[in-house]
N, C-alpha and C. Protein backbone atom coordinates (compact mmCIF):
# COMPACT_ATOMS: atom_id res chain seq x y z
N MET A 1 -9.56 4.22 26.73
CA MET A 1 -8.65 5.32 26.14
C MET A 1 -7.44 4.47 25.48
N MET A 2 -6.86 3.62 26.13
CA MET A 2 -5.77 2.78 25.55
C MET A 2 -6.23 2.04 24.36
N THR A 3 -7.44 1.45 24.32
CA THR A 3 -7.70 0.64 23.09
C THR A 3 -8.17 1.52 21.99
N THR A 4 -8.71 2.70 22.28
CA THR A 4 -9.03 3.63 21.22
C THR A 4 -7.67 4.07 20.54
N LYS A 5 -6.74 4.31 21.38
CA LYS A 5 -5.40 4.86 20.71
C LYS A 5 -4.79 3.66 19.97
N LYS A 6 -4.94 2.47 20.41
CA LYS A 6 -4.36 1.31 19.71
C LYS A 6 -5.16 1.13 18.27
N ASN A 7 -6.46 1.18 18.37
CA ASN A 7 -7.10 1.13 17.16
C ASN A 7 -6.89 1.96 16.16
N ILE A 8 -6.60 3.37 16.70
CA ILE A 8 -6.22 4.43 15.61
C ILE A 8 -4.96 4.15 15.09
N GLN A 9 -4.07 3.51 15.84
CA GLN A 9 -2.63 3.23 15.25
C GLN A 9 -2.79 2.19 14.21
N THR A 10 -3.55 1.08 14.53
CA THR A 10 -3.79 -0.13 13.63
C THR A 10 -4.38 0.53 12.34
N LYS A 11 -5.31 1.32 12.43
CA LYS A 11 -6.01 1.89 11.32
C LYS A 11 -5.00 2.62 10.43
N ASN A 12 -4.25 3.35 11.04
CA ASN A 12 -3.26 4.21 10.27
C ASN A 12 -2.33 3.24 9.64
N LEU A 13 -1.85 2.21 10.41
CA LEU A 13 -0.92 1.29 9.67
C LEU A 13 -1.57 0.70 8.54
N SER A 14 -2.88 0.15 8.61
CA SER A 14 -3.48 -0.60 7.51
C SER A 14 -3.48 0.43 6.29
N SER A 15 -3.95 1.62 6.50
CA SER A 15 -4.06 2.50 5.35
C SER A 15 -2.77 2.73 4.77
N GLN A 16 -1.67 2.79 5.47
CA GLN A 16 -0.24 2.99 4.92
C GLN A 16 0.00 1.83 4.15
N LYS A 17 -0.27 0.64 4.67
CA LYS A 17 -0.02 -0.59 3.94
C LYS A 17 -0.79 -0.73 2.49
N LEU A 18 -2.08 -0.19 2.74
CA LEU A 18 -2.88 -0.12 1.45
C LEU A 18 -2.31 0.77 0.45
N ARG A 19 -1.90 1.88 0.80
CA ARG A 19 -1.24 2.94 -0.01
C ARG A 19 0.02 2.30 -0.62
N MET A 20 0.78 1.63 0.07
CA MET A 20 2.10 1.04 -0.35
C MET A 20 1.68 -0.08 -1.30
N TRP A 21 0.78 -0.85 -1.15
CA TRP A 21 0.29 -1.98 -2.02
C TRP A 21 -0.21 -1.36 -3.32
N LYS A 22 -1.09 -0.32 -3.23
CA LYS A 22 -1.54 0.46 -4.53
C LYS A 22 -0.26 0.88 -5.36
N LEU A 23 0.73 1.51 -4.67
CA LEU A 23 1.92 1.98 -5.22
C LEU A 23 2.75 0.87 -5.96
N LEU A 24 2.83 -0.14 -5.18
CA LEU A 24 3.66 -1.39 -5.75
C LEU A 24 2.88 -1.94 -6.87
N ARG A 25 1.50 -2.09 -6.87
CA ARG A 25 0.70 -2.52 -7.91
C ARG A 25 0.97 -1.70 -9.26
N LYS A 26 0.84 -0.30 -8.91
CA LYS A 26 1.10 0.48 -10.01
C LYS A 26 2.38 0.43 -10.79
N SER A 27 3.41 0.28 -9.85
CA SER A 27 4.82 0.11 -10.39
C SER A 27 4.99 -1.21 -11.15
N SER A 28 4.37 -2.13 -10.76
CA SER A 28 4.45 -3.58 -11.31
C SER A 28 3.78 -3.55 -12.64
N ILE A 29 2.68 -2.90 -12.64
CA ILE A 29 1.90 -2.68 -13.93
C ILE A 29 2.81 -1.98 -15.02
N LYS A 30 3.49 -0.95 -14.61
CA LYS A 30 4.33 -0.09 -15.44
C LYS A 30 5.52 -1.07 -15.91
N GLN A 31 6.15 -1.96 -14.96
CA GLN A 31 7.21 -2.78 -15.27
C GLN A 31 6.82 -3.77 -16.31
N LYS A 32 5.50 -4.23 -16.22
CA LYS A 32 5.15 -5.38 -17.13
C LYS A 32 4.90 -4.72 -18.47
N LYS A 33 4.38 -3.61 -18.58
CA LYS A 33 4.31 -2.86 -19.79
C LYS A 33 5.70 -2.70 -20.33
N LEU A 34 6.69 -2.33 -19.71
CA LEU A 34 8.27 -1.99 -20.04
C LEU A 34 8.50 -3.48 -20.67
N PHE A 35 8.37 -4.55 -19.90
CA PHE A 35 8.93 -5.83 -20.38
C PHE A 35 8.12 -6.20 -21.68
N GLU A 36 6.95 -5.82 -21.85
CA GLU A 36 6.24 -6.24 -22.95
C GLU A 36 6.85 -5.58 -24.24
N ASN A 37 7.21 -4.23 -24.01
CA ASN A 37 7.70 -3.37 -25.04
C ASN A 37 9.10 -3.77 -25.61
N LEU A 38 9.84 -4.56 -24.66
CA LEU A 38 11.25 -5.08 -25.04
C LEU A 38 11.18 -5.99 -26.13
């Protein structure tokens, strides 16, 4: 029971990290385009 709970927590954490990473990547691409336009 404990292990499964821990596994679920880590899974959730990794998915959150992935989401954040995707968001960061998107924003960085936007910033790059902005810089290119300057």
